[in-house]
Amino acid sequence: MTEEINPRFFQLTRALNHPVRIQILNYLMKHQKSNVNSIVAIVNVSQPAVSRHLRILLDAYLVIGHQVGKEKIYQLADTHVEKILELLNQHVREIK
């Protein structure tokens, strides 16, 4: 009998499968909240590309965004995301 895996699991792992998205998540973990322009400056890709990456992260429930005036502010969706990132970063540091 094969165990069924929730399709959201695959959506989550696909969202984590890009260097720019990992950079965005790490940046948000360190800075708590950010607008698109600040993220663009850090990841050094175009604003439309950052927006596409943010859409993937939003769809995977890794980040949330809320409107403040004319700009959208993004942050990690919850503490689970921070724990995932911390665990991945720890794992990478400990690989020999």
N, C-alpha and C. Protein backbone atom coordinates (compact mmCIF):
# COMPACT_ATOMS: atom_id res chain seq x y z
N MET A 1 0.84 -1.18 0.00
CA MET A 1 0.00 0.00 0.00
C MET A 1 0.89 1.25 0.00
N THR A 2 0.67 2.12 -0.94
CA THR A 2 1.45 3.34 -1.06
C THR A 2 0.76 4.47 -0.30
N GLU A 3 1.58 5.18 0.47
CA GLU A 3 1.04 6.32 1.22
C GLU A 3 0.85 7.50 0.28
N GLU A 4 -0.31 8.10 0.34
CA GLU A 4 -0.60 9.28 -0.47
C GLU A 4 0.10 10.50 0.13
N ILE A 5 0.72 11.29 -0.72
CA ILE A 5 1.38 12.50 -0.27
C ILE A 5 0.53 13.69 -0.73
N ASN A 6 0.29 14.58 0.20
CA ASN A 6 -0.50 15.77 -0.08
C ASN A 6 0.15 16.58 -1.21
N PRO A 7 -0.61 16.95 -2.23
CA PRO A 7 -0.05 17.74 -3.33
C PRO A 7 0.60 19.05 -2.89
N ARG A 8 0.16 19.59 -1.76
CA ARG A 8 0.80 20.83 -1.26
C ARG A 8 2.25 20.60 -0.87
N PHE A 9 2.58 19.37 -0.49
CA PHE A 9 3.97 19.05 -0.18
C PHE A 9 4.84 19.27 -1.41
N PHE A 10 4.37 18.81 -2.56
CA PHE A 10 5.12 18.98 -3.81
C PHE A 10 5.18 20.45 -4.21
N GLN A 11 4.10 21.17 -4.00
CA GLN A 11 4.09 22.61 -4.29
C GLN A 11 5.12 23.33 -3.42
N LEU A 12 5.20 22.96 -2.17
CA LEU A 12 6.17 23.55 -1.25
C LEU A 12 7.60 23.26 -1.69
N THR A 13 7.89 22.00 -1.99
CA THR A 13 9.26 21.66 -2.37
C THR A 13 9.64 22.29 -3.70
N ARG A 14 8.70 22.42 -4.63
CA ARG A 14 8.99 23.11 -5.90
C ARG A 14 9.28 24.59 -5.65
N ALA A 15 8.56 25.19 -4.72
CA ALA A 15 8.78 26.61 -4.41
C ALA A 15 10.16 26.83 -3.80
N LEU A 16 10.66 25.84 -3.08
CA LEU A 16 11.99 25.95 -2.47
C LEU A 16 13.11 25.62 -3.45
N ASN A 17 12.75 25.19 -4.64
CA ASN A 17 13.73 24.70 -5.61
C ASN A 17 14.22 25.80 -6.57
N HIS A 18 14.56 26.96 -6.04
CA HIS A 18 15.13 28.02 -6.88
C HIS A 18 15.98 28.94 -6.02
N PRO A 19 17.20 29.25 -6.45
CA PRO A 19 18.09 30.08 -5.64
C PRO A 19 17.53 31.46 -5.30
N VAL A 20 16.83 32.08 -6.22
CA VAL A 20 16.27 33.41 -5.96
C VAL A 20 15.19 33.33 -4.88
N ARG A 21 14.38 32.31 -4.92
CA ARG A 21 13.33 32.17 -3.90
C ARG A 21 13.94 31.90 -2.52
N ILE A 22 15.01 31.12 -2.48
CA ILE A 22 15.70 30.89 -1.22
C ILE A 22 16.30 32.19 -0.70
N GLN A 23 16.88 32.99 -1.59
CA GLN A 23 17.42 34.30 -1.18
C GLN A 23 16.32 35.18 -0.61
N ILE A 24 15.18 35.20 -1.27
CA ILE A 24 14.04 36.01 -0.79
C ILE A 24 13.62 35.55 0.59
N LEU A 25 13.47 34.25 0.78
CA LEU A 25 13.05 33.72 2.07
C LEU A 25 14.06 34.03 3.17
N ASN A 26 15.35 33.85 2.88
CA ASN A 26 16.38 34.17 3.88
C ASN A 26 16.38 35.65 4.20
N TYR A 27 16.19 36.49 3.19
CA TYR A 27 16.13 37.94 3.41
C TYR A 27 14.95 38.29 4.32
N LEU A 28 13.80 37.71 4.03
CA LEU A 28 12.62 37.99 4.86
C LEU A 28 12.78 37.45 6.27
N MET A 29 13.49 36.34 6.42
CA MET A 29 13.73 35.80 7.75
C MET A 29 14.58 36.79 8.57
N LYS A 30 15.56 37.40 7.93
CA LYS A 30 16.45 38.32 8.63
C LYS A 30 15.82 39.70 8.84
N HIS A 31 14.98 40.15 7.91
CA HIS A 31 14.46 41.52 7.96
C HIS A 31 12.97 41.60 8.33
N GLN A 32 12.34 40.48 8.57
CA GLN A 32 10.94 40.41 8.99
C GLN A 32 9.95 40.78 7.89
N LYS A 33 10.07 41.99 7.33
CA LYS A 33 9.13 42.46 6.31
C LYS A 33 9.89 43.24 5.25
N SER A 34 9.32 43.25 4.04
CA SER A 34 9.98 44.00 2.97
C SER A 34 9.02 44.27 1.83
N ASN A 35 9.31 45.33 1.10
CA ASN A 35 8.57 45.59 -0.14
C ASN A 35 9.35 45.01 -1.32
N VAL A 36 8.76 45.01 -2.48
CA VAL A 36 9.37 44.41 -3.67
C VAL A 36 10.68 45.12 -4.02
N ASN A 37 10.71 46.45 -3.94
CA ASN A 37 11.92 47.18 -4.34
C ASN A 37 13.12 46.80 -3.50
N SER A 38 12.94 46.60 -2.22
CA SER A 38 14.06 46.18 -1.36
C SER A 38 14.52 44.78 -1.71
N ILE A 39 13.58 43.91 -2.04
CA ILE A 39 13.93 42.54 -2.43
C ILE A 39 14.69 42.55 -3.75
N VAL A 40 14.23 43.36 -4.70
CA VAL A 40 14.90 43.48 -6.01
C VAL A 40 16.37 43.87 -5.80
N ALA A 41 16.62 44.82 -4.93
CA ALA A 41 17.99 45.29 -4.69
C ALA A 41 18.88 44.19 -4.12
N ILE A 42 18.31 43.32 -3.33
CA ILE A 42 19.10 42.26 -2.68
C ILE A 42 19.37 41.09 -3.62
N VAL A 43 18.35 40.66 -4.36
CA VAL A 43 18.52 39.46 -5.20
C VAL A 43 19.06 39.77 -6.58
N ASN A 44 19.08 41.03 -6.95
CA ASN A 44 19.69 41.49 -8.20
C ASN A 44 19.05 40.84 -9.44
N VAL A 45 17.72 40.77 -9.45
CA VAL A 45 16.97 40.39 -10.65
C VAL A 45 15.89 41.44 -10.86
N SER A 46 15.25 41.41 -12.00
CA SER A 46 14.26 42.44 -12.33
C SER A 46 13.04 42.38 -11.42
N GLN A 47 12.34 43.49 -11.35
CA GLN A 47 11.13 43.56 -10.53
C GLN A 47 10.08 42.56 -11.00
N PRO A 48 9.85 42.43 -12.33
CA PRO A 48 8.87 41.41 -12.75
C PRO A 48 9.27 39.98 -12.35
N ALA A 49 10.57 39.70 -12.39
CA ALA A 49 11.04 38.36 -11.98
C ALA A 49 10.81 38.15 -10.49
N VAL A 50 11.12 39.15 -9.67
CA VAL A 50 10.88 39.05 -8.23
C VAL A 50 9.39 38.85 -7.96
N SER A 51 8.56 39.59 -8.66
CA SER A 51 7.11 39.43 -8.48
C SER A 51 6.65 38.02 -8.82
N ARG A 52 7.20 37.43 -9.87
CA ARG A 52 6.85 36.04 -10.22
C ARG A 52 7.30 35.08 -9.12
N HIS A 53 8.51 35.28 -8.60
CA HIS A 53 8.99 34.42 -7.52
C HIS A 53 8.14 34.59 -6.27
N LEU A 54 7.76 35.81 -5.96
CA LEU A 54 6.89 36.04 -4.80
C LEU A 54 5.54 35.37 -4.98
N ARG A 55 5.01 35.36 -6.19
CA ARG A 55 3.73 34.70 -6.47
C ARG A 55 3.84 33.21 -6.17
N ILE A 56 4.94 32.59 -6.56
CA ILE A 56 5.15 31.16 -6.30
C ILE A 56 5.24 30.93 -4.79
N LEU A 57 5.95 31.80 -4.09
CA LEU A 57 6.07 31.68 -2.63
C LEU A 57 4.73 31.91 -1.93
N LEU A 58 3.95 32.84 -2.44
CA LEU A 58 2.60 33.07 -1.90
C LEU A 58 1.72 31.86 -2.11
N ASP A 59 1.75 31.30 -3.32
CA ASP A 59 0.91 30.15 -3.65
C ASP A 59 1.27 28.92 -2.82
N ALA A 60 2.54 28.84 -2.40
CA ALA A 60 3.00 27.71 -1.58
C ALA A 60 2.83 28.00 -0.09
N TYR A 61 2.24 29.14 0.24
CA TYR A 61 1.98 29.54 1.64
C TYR A 61 3.28 29.69 2.45
N LEU A 62 4.34 30.11 1.76
CA LEU A 62 5.60 30.37 2.44
C LEU A 62 5.72 31.83 2.86
N VAL A 63 5.11 32.72 2.10
CA VAL A 63 5.08 34.13 2.45
C VAL A 63 3.64 34.63 2.39
N ILE A 64 3.42 35.75 3.05
CA ILE A 64 2.14 36.44 2.95
C ILE A 64 2.45 37.88 2.57
N GLY A 65 1.48 38.54 1.99
CA GLY A 65 1.65 39.93 1.62
C GLY A 65 0.42 40.72 2.02
N HIS A 66 0.64 41.95 2.42
CA HIS A 66 -0.48 42.82 2.74
C HIS A 66 -0.18 44.21 2.20
N GLN A 67 -1.25 44.87 1.82
CA GLN A 67 -1.17 46.19 1.21
C GLN A 67 -0.98 47.26 2.29
N VAL A 68 0.01 48.13 2.08
CA VAL A 68 0.22 49.29 2.94
C VAL A 68 0.32 50.49 2.00
N GLY A 69 -0.75 51.24 1.94
CA GLY A 69 -0.80 52.34 0.98
C GLY A 69 -0.76 51.79 -0.43
N LYS A 70 0.22 52.26 -1.21
CA LYS A 70 0.33 51.81 -2.60
C LYS A 70 1.28 50.63 -2.79
N GLU A 71 1.92 50.20 -1.72
CA GLU A 71 2.86 49.08 -1.89
C GLU A 71 2.45 47.87 -1.08
N LYS A 72 2.93 46.73 -1.54
CA LYS A 72 2.65 45.47 -0.86
C LYS A 72 3.87 45.10 -0.03
N ILE A 73 3.62 44.71 1.20
CA ILE A 73 4.68 44.31 2.11
C ILE A 73 4.60 42.79 2.29
N TYR A 74 5.76 42.14 2.18
CA TYR A 74 5.84 40.69 2.28
C TYR A 74 6.57 40.28 3.55
N GLN A 75 6.17 39.13 4.08
CA GLN A 75 6.84 38.55 5.23
C GLN A 75 6.65 37.04 5.18
N LEU A 76 7.43 36.31 5.98
CA LEU A 76 7.25 34.86 6.05
C LEU A 76 5.85 34.57 6.57
N ALA A 77 5.28 33.49 6.09
CA ALA A 77 3.89 33.17 6.43
C ALA A 77 3.71 32.84 7.91
N ASP A 78 4.66 32.13 8.49
CA ASP A 78 4.54 31.77 9.91
C ASP A 78 5.88 31.24 10.42
N THR A 79 5.90 30.83 11.67
CA THR A 79 7.16 30.36 12.27
C THR A 79 7.62 29.03 11.69
N HIS A 80 6.71 28.25 11.11
CA HIS A 80 7.13 26.99 10.49
C HIS A 80 8.11 27.26 9.35
N VAL A 81 7.88 28.30 8.59
CA VAL A 81 8.75 28.62 7.46
C VAL A 81 10.14 28.98 7.98
N GLU A 82 10.18 29.77 9.04
CA GLU A 82 11.46 30.13 9.64
C GLU A 82 12.19 28.89 10.13
N LYS A 83 11.48 27.96 10.75
CA LYS A 83 12.10 26.72 11.24
C LYS A 83 12.64 25.89 10.08
N ILE A 84 11.90 25.82 8.98
CA ILE A 84 12.37 25.08 7.79
C ILE A 84 13.67 25.70 7.29
N LEU A 85 13.70 27.02 7.16
CA LEU A 85 14.89 27.70 6.67
C LEU A 85 16.07 27.53 7.63
N GLU A 86 15.82 27.64 8.92
CA GLU A 86 16.89 27.46 9.91
C GLU A 86 17.45 26.04 9.84
N LEU A 87 16.57 25.06 9.70
CA LEU A 87 17.02 23.68 9.62
C LEU A 87 17.83 23.43 8.34
N LEU A 88 17.37 23.96 7.22
CA LEU A 88 18.12 23.81 5.97
C LEU A 88 19.48 24.49 6.06
N ASN A 89 19.51 25.70 6.61
CA ASN A 89 20.79 26.41 6.77
C ASN A 89 21.73 25.66 7.70
N GLN A 90 21.20 25.11 8.78
CA GLN A 90 22.02 24.32 9.71
C GLN A 90 22.57 23.09 9.02
N HIS A 91 21.73 22.42 8.27
CA HIS A 91 22.15 21.22 7.55
C HIS A 91 23.31 21.53 6.60
N VAL A 92 23.18 22.61 5.86
CA VAL A 92 24.22 23.01 4.89
C VAL A 92 25.53 23.33 5.62
N ARG A 93 25.44 24.00 6.75
CA ARG A 93 26.66 24.35 7.51
C ARG A 93 27.35 23.08 8.02
N GLU A 94 26.60 22.04 8.32
CA GLU A 94 27.18 20.84 8.93
C GLU A 94 27.63 19.79 7.92
N ILE A 95 27.34 20.00 6.64
CA ILE A 95 27.78 19.04 5.62
C ILE A 95 29.29 19.15 5.49
N LYS A 96 29.94 18.04 5.46
CA LYS A 96 31.40 18.04 5.33
C LYS A 96 31.82 17.65 3.95
